Amino acid sequence: MFVLLEYILIYLSPYNGTILIICKNRKTMEIKYNLNAIAGLAIKYGFSKRYVRECVSGRRKCITADTITKDYNSMVQKIEEAIK
């Protein structure tokens, strides 16, 4: 599914649960998140999906954000291994 905003194109992949954000001015802002891992961490820690994405992207600086980022990276690695 594509969502076109004024300056940003957002693509939600139904196959591997990732989100891809591309700027229209071609400064190549590509950010991919595994939506399954984001949803799982949101449930595990009791935060919103937006907060978990902010922690993973590095916009939040706290001990909990570091823990969420480490868990996200390990979950993504396990998911990719399971797919292969």
Protein backbone atom coordinates (compact mmCIF):
# COMPACT_ATOMS: atom_id res chain seq x y z
CA MET A 1 0.00 0.00 0.00
CA PHE A 2 1.32 3.43 -0.96
CA VAL A 3 0.55 6.62 0.92
CA LEU A 4 1.55 9.84 -0.81
CA LEU A 5 1.89 12.93 1.33
CA GLU A 6 3.04 16.33 0.14
CA TYR A 7 6.76 15.61 0.41
CA ILE A 8 6.99 12.00 1.53
CA LEU A 9 6.06 8.67 -0.05
CA ILE A 10 5.35 5.88 2.44
CA TYR A 11 5.21 2.24 1.33
CA LEU A 12 3.82 -0.43 3.65
CA SER A 13 4.86 -3.92 2.59
CA PRO A 14 2.32 -6.64 3.40
CA TYR A 15 4.85 -9.40 2.69
CA ASN A 16 7.69 -8.83 5.12
CA GLY A 17 6.15 -6.27 7.48
CA THR A 18 8.46 -3.36 6.72
CA ILE A 19 7.81 0.32 6.20
CA LEU A 20 9.79 2.37 3.67
CA ILE A 21 9.81 6.16 3.73
CA ILE A 22 11.18 8.07 0.71
CA CYS A 23 11.44 11.86 0.39
CA LYS A 24 10.10 13.26 -2.86
CA ASN A 25 12.99 15.69 -3.23
CA ARG A 26 15.32 12.70 -3.73
CA LYS A 27 17.59 13.25 -0.78
CA THR A 28 17.10 9.51 -0.29
CA MET A 29 15.70 9.24 3.18
CA GLU A 30 15.04 5.53 3.34
CA ILE A 31 14.01 4.11 6.67
CA LYS A 32 12.91 0.51 7.05
CA TYR A 33 11.24 -0.88 10.13
CA ASN A 34 10.02 -4.38 10.71
CA LEU A 35 6.40 -3.83 11.70
CA ASN A 36 6.09 -7.23 13.35
CA ALA A 37 9.01 -6.47 15.66
CA ILE A 38 7.68 -2.97 16.37
CA ALA A 39 4.23 -4.35 17.26
CA GLY A 40 5.73 -7.06 19.46
CA LEU A 41 7.88 -4.60 21.37
CA ALA A 42 4.95 -2.22 21.81
CA ILE A 43 2.99 -5.03 23.44
CA LYS A 44 5.97 -6.26 25.49
CA TYR A 45 6.84 -2.87 26.99
CA GLY A 46 3.35 -1.34 26.96
CA PHE A 47 4.28 1.66 24.82
CA SER A 48 2.79 2.88 21.56
CA LYS A 49 4.21 1.78 18.22
CA ARG A 50 5.22 5.36 17.51
CA TYR A 51 7.28 5.54 20.71
CA VAL A 52 8.99 2.25 19.86
CA ARG A 53 9.86 3.55 16.37
CA GLU A 54 11.28 6.73 17.91
CA CYS A 55 13.42 4.63 20.26
CA VAL A 56 14.70 2.49 17.39
CA SER A 57 15.48 5.53 15.23
CA GLY A 58 17.46 7.16 18.04
CA ARG A 59 15.19 10.12 18.69
CA ARG A 60 14.59 9.00 22.27
CA LYS A 61 17.54 8.93 24.67
CA CYS A 62 16.94 6.95 27.84
CA ILE A 63 17.72 3.56 29.32
CA THR A 64 14.40 2.13 28.17
CA ALA A 65 15.05 3.34 24.62
CA ASP A 66 18.42 1.57 24.63
CA THR A 67 16.79 -1.63 25.85
CA ILE A 68 14.06 -1.40 23.21
CA THR A 69 16.66 -0.81 20.49
CA LYS A 70 18.68 -3.86 21.56
CA ASP A 71 15.55 -6.02 21.68
CA TYR A 72 14.47 -4.71 18.27
CA ASN A 73 17.80 -5.58 16.67
CA SER A 74 17.76 -9.08 18.15
CA MET A 75 14.13 -9.64 17.08
CA VAL A 76 14.82 -8.49 13.52
CA GLN A 77 17.84 -10.78 13.32
CA LYS A 78 15.76 -13.77 14.52
CA ILE A 79 12.96 -12.95 12.08
CA GLU A 80 15.39 -12.71 9.15
CA GLU A 81 16.98 -16.04 10.12
CA ALA A 82 13.55 -17.68 10.32
CA ILE A 83 12.65 -16.38 6.86
CA LYS A 84 15.83 -17.81 5.31
